[in-house]
Each structure stands twice: as C-alpha cells, then as structure tokens.
Amino acid sequence: MIERIDTGQRMSKIVKHNGVAYLCGQVGDGATVSDQTRDCLSRVEALLNKAGSAPDRILQAVIWLSDMADFAEMNEVWDAWVPEGHAPARACGEARLARPELKVEIIVTAAC
C-alpha cells in the first residue's frame, strides 16, 4: 500500500511505502547557510514525526548546496543535528536551487 500525506496537485510532502517514508525536498528560511540548514532540518524533523519516523531512522539524505563553498558551514549544523551513531548514507552536491536566495535543500528517506 502507498500512503500519500499532505498531497497537492504537484507533489506530496511525504510518501510512505513498505515501512519507508520518502520526504519531498526541504528548504529553510534565513540569511546564512547555517540559518537555512537549521530551519530546513527542523522542517525535516516535523515531517519525519508526521510520518511516524525520527532523525535516528534516516536511511539516506541528499543535500544540495547552491555553492559548495558552504559545505563546511552546512556540515557544522548537520553534524550537531544527526544523532550520534545514526549517520545515514548521504550525498552532497552543488545545484542551482528553485529561488536565488536558497542556499540548501535536503531530501530524506527514512524507515518508519
């Protein structure tokens, strides 16, 4: 069974299938990559909770930065947020994001 949560015409915020939650990409508010990453991870955590999951159940994260020069700054926030011993498989790359002010987008897959 496939369960779609917070579904709109274009996308669902969460899709669950076979005990796995797939979250849509999350961006955050703020002037710096640290601010945006913190806000983004707060949104990820809220969606994980809504899906019946949690940060320690993340299987994979894909992170897009608008500028790889922000990699260390983003990692500082990420490392403080990920529960010790529960780091997921992760990829990080540079991409042009949907709006020029965006600096980071995070896409998460987690066990429920």
PDB file of N, CA and C in Angstrom:
ATOM      1  N   MET A   1       0.828  -1.172   0.000  1.00  0.00           N
ATOM      2  CA  MET A   1       0.000   0.000   0.000  1.00  0.00           C
ATOM      3  C   MET A   1       0.885   1.252   0.000  1.00  0.00           C
ATOM      4  N   ILE A   2       0.480   2.235  -0.760  1.00  0.00           N
ATOM      5  CA  ILE A   2       1.165   3.522  -0.803  1.00  0.00           C
ATOM      6  C   ILE A   2       0.284   4.543  -0.095  1.00  0.00           C
ATOM      7  N   GLU A   3       0.883   5.265   0.857  1.00  0.00           N
ATOM      8  CA  GLU A   3       0.165   6.320   1.578  1.00  0.00           C
ATOM      9  C   GLU A   3       0.812   7.657   1.243  1.00  0.00           C
ATOM     10  N   ARG A   4      -0.001   8.610   0.816  1.00  0.00           N
ATOM     11  CA  ARG A   4       0.477   9.946   0.483  1.00  0.00           C
ATOM     12  C   ARG A   4      -0.055  10.922   1.533  1.00  0.00           C
ATOM     13  N   ILE A   5       0.831  11.742   2.073  1.00  0.00           N
ATOM     14  CA  ILE A   5       0.468  12.670   3.143  1.00  0.00           C
ATOM     15  C   ILE A   5       0.747  14.098   2.672  1.00  0.00           C
ATOM     16  N   ASP A   6      -0.207  14.980   2.935  1.00  0.00           N
ATOM     17  CA  ASP A   6      -0.110  16.380   2.504  1.00  0.00           C
ATOM     18  C   ASP A   6       0.128  16.452   1.001  1.00  0.00           C
ATOM     19  N   THR A   7      -0.824  15.897   0.275  1.00  0.00           N
ATOM     20  CA  THR A   7      -0.727  15.800  -1.176  1.00  0.00           C
ATOM     21  C   THR A   7      -1.382  16.995  -1.857  1.00  0.00           C
ATOM     22  N   GLY A   8      -0.673  17.554  -2.789  1.00  0.00           N
ATOM     23  CA  GLY A   8      -1.194  18.627  -3.628  1.00  0.00           C
ATOM     24  C   GLY A   8      -1.193  18.160  -5.072  1.00  0.00           C
ATOM     25  N   GLN A   9      -1.472  19.065  -5.962  1.00  0.00           N
ATOM     26  CA  GLN A   9      -1.504  18.712  -7.381  1.00  0.00           C
ATOM     27  C   GLN A   9      -0.123  18.299  -7.893  1.00  0.00           C
ATOM     28  N   ARG A  10       0.925  18.986  -7.409  1.00  0.00           N
ATOM     29  CA  ARG A  10       2.270  18.759  -7.923  1.00  0.00           C
ATOM     30  C   ARG A  10       3.034  17.672  -7.182  1.00  0.00           C
ATOM     31  N   MET A  11       2.829  17.584  -5.863  1.00  0.00           N
ATOM     32  CA  MET A  11       3.637  16.642  -5.083  1.00  0.00           C
ATOM     33  C   MET A  11       2.995  16.370  -3.734  1.00  0.00           C
ATOM     34  N   SER A  12       3.499  15.329  -3.085  1.00  0.00           N
ATOM     35  CA  SER A  12       3.147  15.025  -1.704  1.00  0.00           C
ATOM     36  C   SER A  12       4.352  15.374  -0.844  1.00  0.00           C
ATOM     37  N   LYS A  13       4.106  15.845   0.385  1.00  0.00           N
ATOM     38  CA  LYS A  13       5.225  16.138   1.277  1.00  0.00           C
ATOM     39  C   LYS A  13       5.865  14.857   1.782  1.00  0.00           C
ATOM     40  N   ILE A  14       5.026  13.812   1.919  1.00  0.00           N
ATOM     41  CA  ILE A  14       5.505  12.505   2.381  1.00  0.00           C
ATOM     42  C   ILE A  14       4.814  11.421   1.568  1.00  0.00           C
ATOM     43  N   VAL A  15       5.581  10.425   1.148  1.00  0.00           N
ATOM     44  CA  VAL A  15       5.012   9.211   0.558  1.00  0.00           C
ATOM     45  C   VAL A  15       5.583   8.040   1.344  1.00  0.00           C
ATOM     46  N   LYS A  16       4.683   7.191   1.851  1.00  0.00           N
ATOM     47  CA  LYS A  16       5.111   6.012   2.622  1.00  0.00           C
ATOM     48  C   LYS A  16       4.776   4.749   1.837  1.00  0.00           C
ATOM     49  N   HIS A  17       5.737   3.810   1.855  1.00  0.00           N
ATOM     50  CA  HIS A  17       5.554   2.537   1.170  1.00  0.00           C
ATOM     51  C   HIS A  17       6.449   1.498   1.828  1.00  0.00           C
ATOM     52  N   ASN A  18       5.871   0.369   2.185  1.00  0.00           N
ATOM     53  CA  ASN A  18       6.637  -0.743   2.767  1.00  0.00           C
ATOM     54  C   ASN A  18       7.522  -0.303   3.937  1.00  0.00           C
ATOM     55  N   GLY A  19       6.987   0.531   4.808  1.00  0.00           N
ATOM     56  CA  GLY A  19       7.726   0.927   6.004  1.00  0.00           C
ATOM     57  C   GLY A  19       8.799   1.964   5.777  1.00  0.00           C
ATOM     58  N   VAL A  20       8.781   2.605   4.624  1.00  0.00           N
ATOM     59  CA  VAL A  20       9.770   3.644   4.314  1.00  0.00           C
ATOM     60  C   VAL A  20       9.032   4.939   3.984  1.00  0.00           C
ATOM     61  N   ALA A  21       9.525   6.056   4.523  1.00  0.00           N
ATOM     62  CA  ALA A  21       8.969   7.378   4.240  1.00  0.00           C
ATOM     63  C   ALA A  21       9.924   8.140   3.331  1.00  0.00           C
ATOM     64  N   TYR A  22       9.376   8.660   2.261  1.00  0.00           N
ATOM     65  CA  TYR A  22      10.128   9.471   1.307  1.00  0.00           C
ATOM     66  C   TYR A  22       9.631  10.906   1.467  1.00  0.00           C
ATOM     67  N   LEU A  23      10.512  11.814   1.856  1.00  0.00           N
ATOM     68  CA  LEU A  23      10.130  13.205   2.064  1.00  0.00           C
ATOM     69  C   LEU A  23      10.480  14.036   0.846  1.00  0.00           C
ATOM     70  N   CYS A  24       9.625  15.014   0.563  1.00  0.00           N
ATOM     71  CA  CYS A  24       9.955  15.946  -0.511  1.00  0.00           C
ATOM     72  C   CYS A  24      11.118  16.820  -0.041  1.00  0.00           C
ATOM     73  N   GLY A  25      11.787  17.463  -0.953  1.00  0.00           N
ATOM     74  CA  GLY A  25      12.914  18.316  -0.610  1.00  0.00           C
ATOM     75  C   GLY A  25      12.484  19.451   0.298  1.00  0.00           C
ATOM     76  N   GLN A  26      13.320  19.756   1.283  1.00  0.00           N
ATOM     77  CA  GLN A  26      13.026  20.810   2.242  1.00  0.00           C
ATOM     78  C   GLN A  26      14.065  21.909   2.142  1.00  0.00           C
ATOM     79  N   VAL A  27      13.590  23.136   2.168  1.00  0.00           N
ATOM     80  CA  VAL A  27      14.452  24.305   2.207  1.00  0.00           C
ATOM     81  C   VAL A  27      14.113  25.071   3.476  1.00  0.00           C
ATOM     82  N   GLY A  28      14.950  26.025   3.839  1.00  0.00           N
ATOM     83  CA  GLY A  28      14.710  26.781   5.063  1.00  0.00           C
ATOM     84  C   GLY A  28      14.831  28.271   4.854  1.00  0.00           C
ATOM     85  N   ASP A  29      14.375  29.010   5.856  1.00  0.00           N
ATOM     86  CA  ASP A  29      14.477  30.461   5.851  1.00  0.00           C
ATOM     87  C   ASP A  29      15.751  30.889   6.566  1.00  0.00           C
ATOM     88  N   GLY A  30      16.229  32.075   6.237  1.00  0.00           N
ATOM     89  CA  GLY A  30      17.388  32.639   6.913  1.00  0.00           C
ATOM     90  C   GLY A  30      18.362  33.244   5.925  1.00  0.00           C
ATOM     91  N   ALA A  31      19.250  34.076   6.453  1.00  0.00           N
ATOM     92  CA  ALA A  31      20.214  34.779   5.608  1.00  0.00           C
ATOM     93  C   ALA A  31      21.462  33.958   5.319  1.00  0.00           C
ATOM     94  N   THR A  32      21.825  33.056   6.248  1.00  0.00           N
ATOM     95  CA  THR A  32      23.068  32.294   6.085  1.00  0.00           C
ATOM     96  C   THR A  32      22.757  30.819   5.818  1.00  0.00           C
ATOM     97  N   VAL A  33      23.756  30.099   5.357  1.00  0.00           N
ATOM     98  CA  VAL A  33      23.566  28.666   5.138  1.00  0.00           C
ATOM     99  C   VAL A  33      23.305  27.962   6.470  1.00  0.00           C
ATOM    100  N   SER A  34      23.907  28.429   7.552  1.00  0.00           N
ATOM    101  CA  SER A  34      23.638  27.837   8.869  1.00  0.00           C
ATOM    102  C   SER A  34      22.178  28.028   9.261  1.00  0.00           C
ATOM    103  N   ASP A  35      21.674  29.251   9.112  1.00  0.00           N
ATOM    104  CA  ASP A  35      20.265  29.526   9.437  1.00  0.00           C
ATOM    105  C   ASP A  35      19.333  28.662   8.593  1.00  0.00           C
ATOM    106  N   GLN A  36      19.586  28.625   7.304  1.00  0.00           N
ATOM    107  CA  GLN A  36      18.727  27.850   6.409  1.00  0.00           C
ATOM    108  C   GLN A  36      18.817  26.359   6.712  1.00  0.00           C
ATOM    109  N   THR A  37      19.999  25.863   7.028  1.00  0.00           N
ATOM    110  CA  THR A  37      20.151  24.436   7.336  1.00  0.00           C
ATOM    111  C   THR A  37      19.406  24.085   8.622  1.00  0.00           C
ATOM    112  N   ARG A  38      19.529  24.910   9.655  1.00  0.00           N
ATOM    113  CA  ARG A  38      18.799  24.664  10.905  1.00  0.00           C
ATOM    114  C   ARG A  38      17.292  24.640  10.663  1.00  0.00           C
ATOM    115  N   ASP A  39      16.780  25.615   9.918  1.00  0.00           N
ATOM    116  CA  ASP A  39      15.349  25.682   9.645  1.00  0.00           C
ATOM    117  C   ASP A  39      14.907  24.495   8.794  1.00  0.00           C
ATOM    118  N   CYS A  40      15.703  24.165   7.813  1.00  0.00           N
ATOM    119  CA  CYS A  40      15.421  23.025   6.942  1.00  0.00           C
ATOM    120  C   CYS A  40      15.339  21.732   7.752  1.00  0.00           C
ATOM    121  N   LEU A  41      16.298  21.510   8.639  1.00  0.00           N
ATOM    122  CA  LEU A  41      16.308  20.291   9.450  1.00  0.00           C
ATOM    123  C   LEU A  41      15.150  20.259  10.436  1.00  0.00           C
ATOM    124  N   SER A  42      14.720  21.403  10.888  1.00  0.00           N
ATOM    125  CA  SER A  42      13.535  21.476  11.741  1.00  0.00           C
ATOM    126  C   SER A  42      12.305  21.019  10.959  1.00  0.00           C
ATOM    127  N   ARG A  43      12.212  21.427   9.709  1.00  0.00           N
ATOM    128  CA  ARG A  43      11.100  21.015   8.846  1.00  0.00           C
ATOM    129  C   ARG A  43      11.183  19.515   8.531  1.00  0.00           C
ATOM    130  N   VAL A  44      12.394  19.027   8.284  1.00  0.00           N
ATOM    131  CA  VAL A  44      12.584  17.588   8.054  1.00  0.00           C
ATOM    132  C   VAL A  44      12.105  16.808   9.274  1.00  0.00           C
ATOM    133  N   GLU A  45      12.504  17.244  10.455  1.00  0.00           N
ATOM    134  CA  GLU A  45      12.128  16.539  11.678  1.00  0.00           C
ATOM    135  C   GLU A  45      10.611  16.539  11.876  1.00  0.00           C
ATOM    136  N   ALA A  46       9.949  17.649  11.585  1.00  0.00           N
ATOM    137  CA  ALA A  46       8.486  17.716  11.703  1.00  0.00           C
ATOM    138  C   ALA A  46       7.822  16.732  10.744  1.00  0.00           C
ATOM    139  N   LEU A  47       8.322  16.642   9.511  1.00  0.00           N
ATOM    140  CA  LEU A  47       7.759  15.692   8.552  1.00  0.00           C
ATOM    141  C   LEU A  47       8.041  14.251   8.971  1.00  0.00           C
ATOM    142  N   LEU A  48       9.242  14.000   9.486  1.00  0.00           N
ATOM    143  CA  LEU A  48       9.553  12.650   9.968  1.00  0.00           C
ATOM    144  C   LEU A  48       8.584  12.255  11.075  1.00  0.00           C
ATOM    145  N   ASN A  49       8.333  13.148  12.016  1.00  0.00           N
ATOM    146  CA  ASN A  49       7.385  12.864  13.095  1.00  0.00           C
ATOM    147  C   ASN A  49       6.002  12.576  12.540  1.00  0.00           C
ATOM    148  N   LYS A  50       5.571  13.362  11.569  1.00  0.00           N
ATOM    149  CA  LYS A  50       4.257  13.166  10.945  1.00  0.00           C
ATOM    150  C   LYS A  50       4.177  11.809  10.253  1.00  0.00           C
ATOM    151  N   ALA A  51       5.308  11.338   9.742  1.00  0.00           N
ATOM    152  CA  ALA A  51       5.359  10.046   9.041  1.00  0.00           C
ATOM    153  C   ALA A  51       5.527   8.870   9.998  1.00  0.00           C
ATOM    154  N   GLY A  52       5.714   9.154  11.291  1.00  0.00           N
ATOM    155  CA  GLY A  52       5.957   8.087  12.257  1.00  0.00           C
ATOM    156  C   GLY A  52       7.403   7.653  12.293  1.00  0.00           C
ATOM    157  N   SER A  53       8.300   8.577  11.998  1.00  0.00           N
ATOM    158  CA  SER A  53       9.732   8.287  11.986  1.00  0.00           C
ATOM    159  C   SER A  53      10.456   9.321  12.844  1.00  0.00           C
ATOM    160  N   ALA A  54      11.782   9.341  12.736  1.00  0.00           N
ATOM    161  CA  ALA A  54      12.599  10.242  13.543  1.00  0.00           C
ATOM    162  C   ALA A  54      13.992  10.356  12.912  1.00  0.00           C
ATOM    163  N   PRO A  55      14.766  11.361  13.322  1.00  0.00           N
ATOM    164  CA  PRO A  55      16.113  11.530  12.749  1.00  0.00           C
ATOM    165  C   PRO A  55      17.009  10.301  12.878  1.00  0.00           C
ATOM    166  N   ASP A  56      16.844   9.503  13.928  1.00  0.00           N
ATOM    167  CA  ASP A  56      17.700   8.324  14.080  1.00  0.00           C
ATOM    168  C   ASP A  56      17.278   7.168  13.177  1.00  0.00           C
ATOM    169  N   ARG A  57      16.240   7.373  12.361  1.00  0.00           N
ATOM    170  CA  ARG A  57      15.766   6.341  11.444  1.00  0.00           C
ATOM    171  C   ARG A  57      15.988   6.729   9.976  1.00  0.00           C
ATOM    172  N   ILE A  58      16.723   7.824   9.755  1.00  0.00           N
ATOM    173  CA  ILE A  58      17.002   8.250   8.382  1.00  0.00           C
ATOM    174  C   ILE A  58      17.926   7.243   7.715  1.00  0.00           C
ATOM    175  N   LEU A  59      17.544   6.809   6.536  1.00  0.00           N
ATOM    176  CA  LEU A  59      18.336   5.859   5.759  1.00  0.00           C
ATOM    177  C   LEU A  59      19.287   6.584   4.808  1.00  0.00           C
ATOM    178  N   GLN A  60      18.774   7.638   4.179  1.00  0.00           N
ATOM    179  CA  GLN A  60      19.565   8.354   3.180  1.00  0.00           C
ATOM    180  C   GLN A  60      19.185   9.827   3.177  1.00  0.00           C
ATOM    181  N   ALA A  61      20.176  10.678   2.964  1.00  0.00           N
ATOM    182  CA  ALA A  61      19.943  12.109   2.789  1.00  0.00           C
ATOM    183  C   ALA A  61      20.700  12.572   1.555  1.00  0.00           C
ATOM    184  N   VAL A  62      20.033  13.389   0.754  1.00  0.00           N
ATOM    185  CA  VAL A  62      20.665  14.031  -0.395  1.00  0.00           C
ATOM    186  C   VAL A  62      20.596  15.526  -0.131  1.00  0.00           C
ATOM    187  N   ILE A  63      21.748  16.174  -0.139  1.00  0.00           N
ATOM    188  CA  ILE A  63      21.829  17.597   0.177  1.00  0.00           C
ATOM    189  C   ILE A  63      22.343  18.349  -1.042  1.00  0.00           C
ATOM    190  N   TRP A  64      21.601  19.388  -1.407  1.00  0.00           N
ATOM    191  CA  TRP A  64      22.017  20.259  -2.499  1.00  0.00           C
ATOM    192  C   TRP A  64      22.385  21.616  -1.912  1.00  0.00           C
ATOM    193  N   LEU A  65      23.553  22.098  -2.265  1.00  0.00           N
ATOM    194  CA  LEU A  65      24.001  23.436  -1.877  1.00  0.00           C
ATOM    195  C   LEU A  65      24.086  24.307  -3.123  1.00  0.00           C
ATOM    196  N   SER A  66      23.729  25.569  -2.991  1.00  0.00           N
ATOM    197  CA  SER A  66      23.852  26.469  -4.144  1.00  0.00           C
ATOM    198  C   SER A  66      25.315  26.803  -4.415  1.00  0.00           C
ATOM    199  N   ASP A  67      26.168  26.591  -3.406  1.00  0.00           N
ATOM    200  CA  ASP A  67      27.598  26.872  -3.538  1.00  0.00           C
ATOM    201  C   ASP A  67      28.368  25.918  -2.620  1.00  0.00           C
ATOM    202  N   MET A  68      29.224  25.087  -3.179  1.00  0.00           N
ATOM    203  CA  MET A  68      29.980  24.124  -2.375  1.00  0.00           C
ATOM    204  C   MET A  68      30.934  24.807  -1.393  1.00  0.00           C
ATOM    205  N   ALA A  69      31.152  26.096  -1.541  1.00  0.00           N
ATOM    206  CA  ALA A  69      31.955  26.832  -0.564  1.00  0.00           C
ATOM    207  C   ALA A  69      31.270  26.836   0.806  1.00  0.00           C
ATOM    208  N   ASP A  70      29.960  26.545   0.838  1.00  0.00           N
ATOM    209  CA  ASP A  70      29.194  26.496   2.088  1.00  0.00           C
ATOM    210  C   ASP A  70      29.193  25.107   2.734  1.00  0.00           C
ATOM    211  N   PHE A  71      29.933  24.180   2.176  1.00  0.00           N
ATOM    212  CA  PHE A  71      29.922  22.783   2.639  1.00  0.00           C
ATOM    213  C   PHE A  71      30.269  22.659   4.129  1.00  0.00           C
ATOM    214  N   ALA A  72      31.351  23.276   4.565  1.00  0.00           N
ATOM    215  CA  ALA A  72      31.774  23.163   5.970  1.00  0.00           C
ATOM    216  C   ALA A  72      30.753  23.794   6.911  1.00  0.00           C
ATOM    217  N   GLU A  73      30.201  24.928   6.547  1.00  0.00           N
ATOM    218  CA  GLU A  73      29.208  25.603   7.385  1.00  0.00           C
ATOM    219  C   GLU A  73      27.939  24.757   7.519  1.00  0.00           C
ATOM    220  N   MET A  74      27.480  24.185   6.416  1.00  0.00           N
ATOM    221  CA  MET A  74      26.306  23.311   6.458  1.00  0.00           C
ATOM    222  C   MET A  74      26.604  22.081   7.309  1.00  0.00           C
ATOM    223  N   ASN A  75      27.783  21.483   7.127  1.00  0.00           N
ATOM    224  CA  ASN A  75      28.147  20.277   7.881  1.00  0.00           C
ATOM    225  C   ASN A  75      28.193  20.516   9.384  1.00  0.00           C
ATOM    226  N   GLU A  76      28.580  21.707   9.800  1.00  0.00           N
ATOM    227  CA  GLU A  76      28.623  22.024  11.229  1.00  0.00           C
ATOM    228  C   GLU A  76      27.223  21.891  11.846  1.00  0.00           C
ATOM    229  N   VAL A  77      26.219  22.397  11.160  1.00  0.00           N
ATOM    230  CA  VAL A  77      24.833  22.295  11.641  1.00  0.00           C
ATOM    231  C   VAL A  77      24.343  20.852  11.520  1.00  0.00           C
ATOM    232  N   TRP A  78      24.615  20.220  10.389  1.00  0.00           N
ATOM    233  CA  TRP A  78      24.200  18.828  10.158  1.00  0.00           C
ATOM    234  C   TRP A  78      24.767  17.903  11.227  1.00  0.00           C
ATOM    235  N   ASP A  79      26.071  18.011  11.484  1.00  0.00           N
ATOM    236  CA  ASP A  79      26.741  17.127  12.443  1.00  0.00           C
ATOM    237  C   ASP A  79      26.162  17.269  13.850  1.00  0.00           C
ATOM    238  N   ALA A  80      25.761  18.477  14.221  1.00  0.00           N
ATOM    239  CA  ALA A  80      25.167  18.701  15.545  1.00  0.00           C
ATOM    240  C   ALA A  80      23.746  18.138  15.621  1.00  0.00           C
ATOM    241  N   TRP A  81      23.076  18.017  14.476  1.00  0.00           N
ATOM    242  CA  TRP A  81      21.684  17.574  14.431  1.00  0.00           C
ATOM    243  C   TRP A  81      21.539  16.050  14.355  1.00  0.00           C
ATOM    244  N   VAL A  82      22.400  15.387  13.595  1.00  0.00           N
ATOM    245  CA  VAL A  82      22.287  13.938  13.403  1.00  0.00           C
ATOM    246  C   VAL A  82      22.622  13.220  14.710  1.00  0.00           C
ATOM    247  N   PRO A  83      21.721  12.332  15.167  1.00  0.00           N
ATOM    248  CA  PRO A  83      22.000  11.603  16.413  1.00  0.00           C
ATOM    249  C   PRO A  83      23.279  10.768  16.277  1.00  0.00           C
ATOM    250  N   GLU A  84      24.127  10.845  17.298  1.00  0.00           N
ATOM    251  CA  GLU A  84      25.397  10.119  17.276  1.00  0.00           C
ATOM    252  C   GLU A  84      25.154   8.634  17.022  1.00  0.00           C
ATOM    253  N   GLY A  85      25.925   8.074  16.109  1.00  0.00           N
ATOM    254  CA  GLY A  85      25.816   6.659  15.771  1.00  0.00           C
ATOM    255  C   GLY A  85      24.719   6.342  14.767  1.00  0.00           C
ATOM    256  N   HIS A  86      24.017   7.361  14.271  1.00  0.00           N
ATOM    257  CA  HIS A  86      22.897   7.138  13.351  1.00  0.00           C
ATOM    258  C   HIS A  86      23.055   7.924  12.051  1.00  0.00           C
ATOM    259  N   ALA A  87      24.278   8.174  11.642  1.00  0.00           N
ATOM    260  CA  ALA A  87      24.501   8.909  10.392  1.00  0.00           C
ATOM    261  C   ALA A  87      23.980   8.083   9.216  1.00  0.00           C
ATOM    262  N   PRO A  88      23.164   8.701   8.352  1.00  0.00           N
ATOM    263  CA  PRO A  88      22.632   7.977   7.199  1.00  0.00           C
ATOM    264  C   PRO A  88      23.637   7.949   6.050  1.00  0.00           C
ATOM    265  N   ALA A  89      23.324   7.156   5.037  1.00  0.00           N
ATOM    266  CA  ALA A  89      24.052   7.285   3.776  1.00  0.00           C
ATOM    267  C   ALA A  89      23.733   8.692   3.268  1.00  0.00           C
ATOM    268  N   ARG A  90      24.729   9.378   2.713  1.00  0.00           N
ATOM    269  CA  ARG A  90      24.500  10.772   2.353  1.00  0.00           C
ATOM    270  C   ARG A  90      25.282  11.162   1.119  1.00  0.00           C
ATOM    271  N   ALA A  91      24.680  12.029   0.322  1.00  0.00           N
ATOM    272  CA  ALA A  91      25.360  12.640  -0.815  1.00  0.00           C
ATOM    273  C   ALA A  91      25.147  14.141  -0.726  1.00  0.00           C
ATOM    274  N   CYS A  92      26.122  14.908  -1.201  1.00  0.00           N
ATOM    275  CA  CYS A  92      26.002  16.360  -1.200  1.00  0.00           C
ATOM    276  C   CYS A  92      26.607  16.884  -2.495  1.00  0.00           C
ATOM    277  N   GLY A  93      25.878  17.766  -3.144  1.00  0.00           N
ATOM    278  CA  GLY A  93      26.375  18.333  -4.387  1.00  0.00           C
ATOM    279  C   GLY A  93      25.924  19.767  -4.544  1.00  0.00           C
ATOM    280  N   GLU A  94      26.390  20.387  -5.602  1.00  0.00           N
ATOM    281  CA  GLU A  94      26.043  21.774  -5.887  1.00  0.00           C
ATOM    282  C   GLU A  94      25.009  21.805  -6.996  1.00  0.00           C
ATOM    283  N   ALA A  95      23.997  22.668  -6.815  1.00  0.00           N
ATOM    284  CA  ALA A  95      22.946  22.805  -7.826  1.00  0.00           C
ATOM    285  C   ALA A  95      22.334  24.196  -7.742  1.00  0.00           C
ATOM    286  N   ARG A  96      21.778  24.640  -8.845  1.00  0.00           N
ATOM    287  CA  ARG A  96      21.002  25.870  -8.829  1.00  0.00           C
ATOM    288  C   ARG A  96      19.650  25.512  -8.225  1.00  0.00           C
ATOM    289  N   LEU A  97      19.290  26.148  -7.122  1.00  0.00           N
ATOM    290  CA  LEU A  97      18.056  25.833  -6.420  1.00  0.00           C
ATOM    291  C   LEU A  97      16.905  26.659  -6.990  1.00  0.00           C
ATOM    292  N   ALA A  98      15.684  26.399  -6.517  1.00  0.00           N
ATOM    293  CA  ALA A  98      14.477  26.970  -7.111  1.00  0.00           C
ATOM    294  C   ALA A  98      14.401  28.497  -7.052  1.00  0.00           C
ATOM    295  N   ARG A  99      14.995  29.083  -6.025  1.00  0.00           N
ATOM    296  CA  ARG A  99      14.994  30.549  -5.883  1.00  0.00           C
ATOM    297  C   ARG A  99      16.411  31.010  -5.559  1.00  0.00           C
ATOM    298  N   PRO A 100      16.806  32.165  -6.028  1.00  0.00           N
ATOM    299  CA  PRO A 100      18.195  32.622  -5.839  1.00  0.00           C
ATOM    300  C   PRO A 100      18.632  32.760  -4.387  1.00  0.00           C
ATOM    301  N   GLU A 101      17.698  33.050  -3.465  1.00  0.00           N
ATOM    302  CA  GLU A 101      18.072  33.226  -2.056  1.00  0.00           C
ATOM    303  C   GLU A 101      18.292  31.905  -1.317  1.00  0.00           C
ATOM    304  N   LEU A 102      17.898  30.799  -1.928  1.00  0.00           N
ATOM    305  CA  LEU A 102      18.067  29.496  -1.280  1.00  0.00           C
ATOM    306  C   LEU A 102      19.514  29.040  -1.360  1.00  0.00           C
ATOM    307  N   LYS A 103      20.002  28.507  -0.229  1.00  0.00           N
ATOM    308  CA  LYS A 103      21.387  28.045  -0.147  1.00  0.00           C
ATOM    309  C   LYS A 103      21.507  26.543   0.060  1.00  0.00           C
ATOM    310  N   VAL A 104      20.433  25.894   0.551  1.00  0.00           N
ATOM    311  CA  VAL A 104      20.486  24.463   0.850  1.00  0.00           C
ATOM    312  C   VAL A 104      19.102  23.840   0.677  1.00  0.00           C
ATOM    313  N   GLU A 105      19.096  22.618   0.177  1.00  0.00           N
ATOM    314  CA  GLU A 105      17.879  21.800   0.103  1.00  0.00           C
ATOM    315  C   GLU A 105      18.258  20.387   0.530  1.00  0.00           C
ATOM    316  N   ILE A 106      17.408  19.779   1.358  1.00  0.00           N
ATOM    317  CA  ILE A 106      17.690  18.438   1.878  1.00  0.00           C
ATOM    318  C   ILE A 106      16.528  17.513   1.563  1.00  0.00           C
ATOM    319  N   ILE A 107      16.848  16.349   1.025  1.00  0.00           N
ATOM    320  CA  ILE A 107      15.863  15.323   0.674  1.00  0.00           C
ATOM    321  C   ILE A 107      16.188  14.089   1.497  1.00  0.00           C
ATOM    322  N   VAL A 108      15.177  13.544   2.201  1.00  0.00           N
ATOM    323  CA  VAL A 108      15.410  12.468   3.162  1.00  0.00           C
ATOM    324  C   VAL A 108      14.509  11.275   2.869  1.00  0.00           C
ATOM    325  N   THR A 109      15.067  10.080   3.073  1.00  0.00           N
ATOM    326  CA  THR A 109      14.341   8.817   3.060  1.00  0.00           C
ATOM    327  C   THR A 109      14.591   8.172   4.419  1.00  0.00           C
ATOM    328  N   ALA A 110      13.504   7.707   5.071  1.00  0.00           N
ATOM    329  CA  ALA A 110      13.651   7.166   6.426  1.00  0.00           C
ATOM    330  C   ALA A 110      12.767   5.958   6.641  1.00  0.00           C
ATOM    331  N   ALA A 111      13.209   5.078   7.539  1.00  0.00           N
ATOM    332  CA  ALA A 111      12.386   3.952   7.965  1.00  0.00           C
ATOM    333  C   ALA A 111      11.311   4.470   8.915  1.00  0.00           C
ATOM    334  N   CYS A 112      10.134   3.848   8.839  1.00  0.00           N
ATOM    335  CA  CYS A 112       9.025   4.231   9.743  1.00  0.00           C
ATOM    336  C   CYS A 112       8.963   3.278  10.912  1.00  0.00           C
TER     337      CYS A 112
END
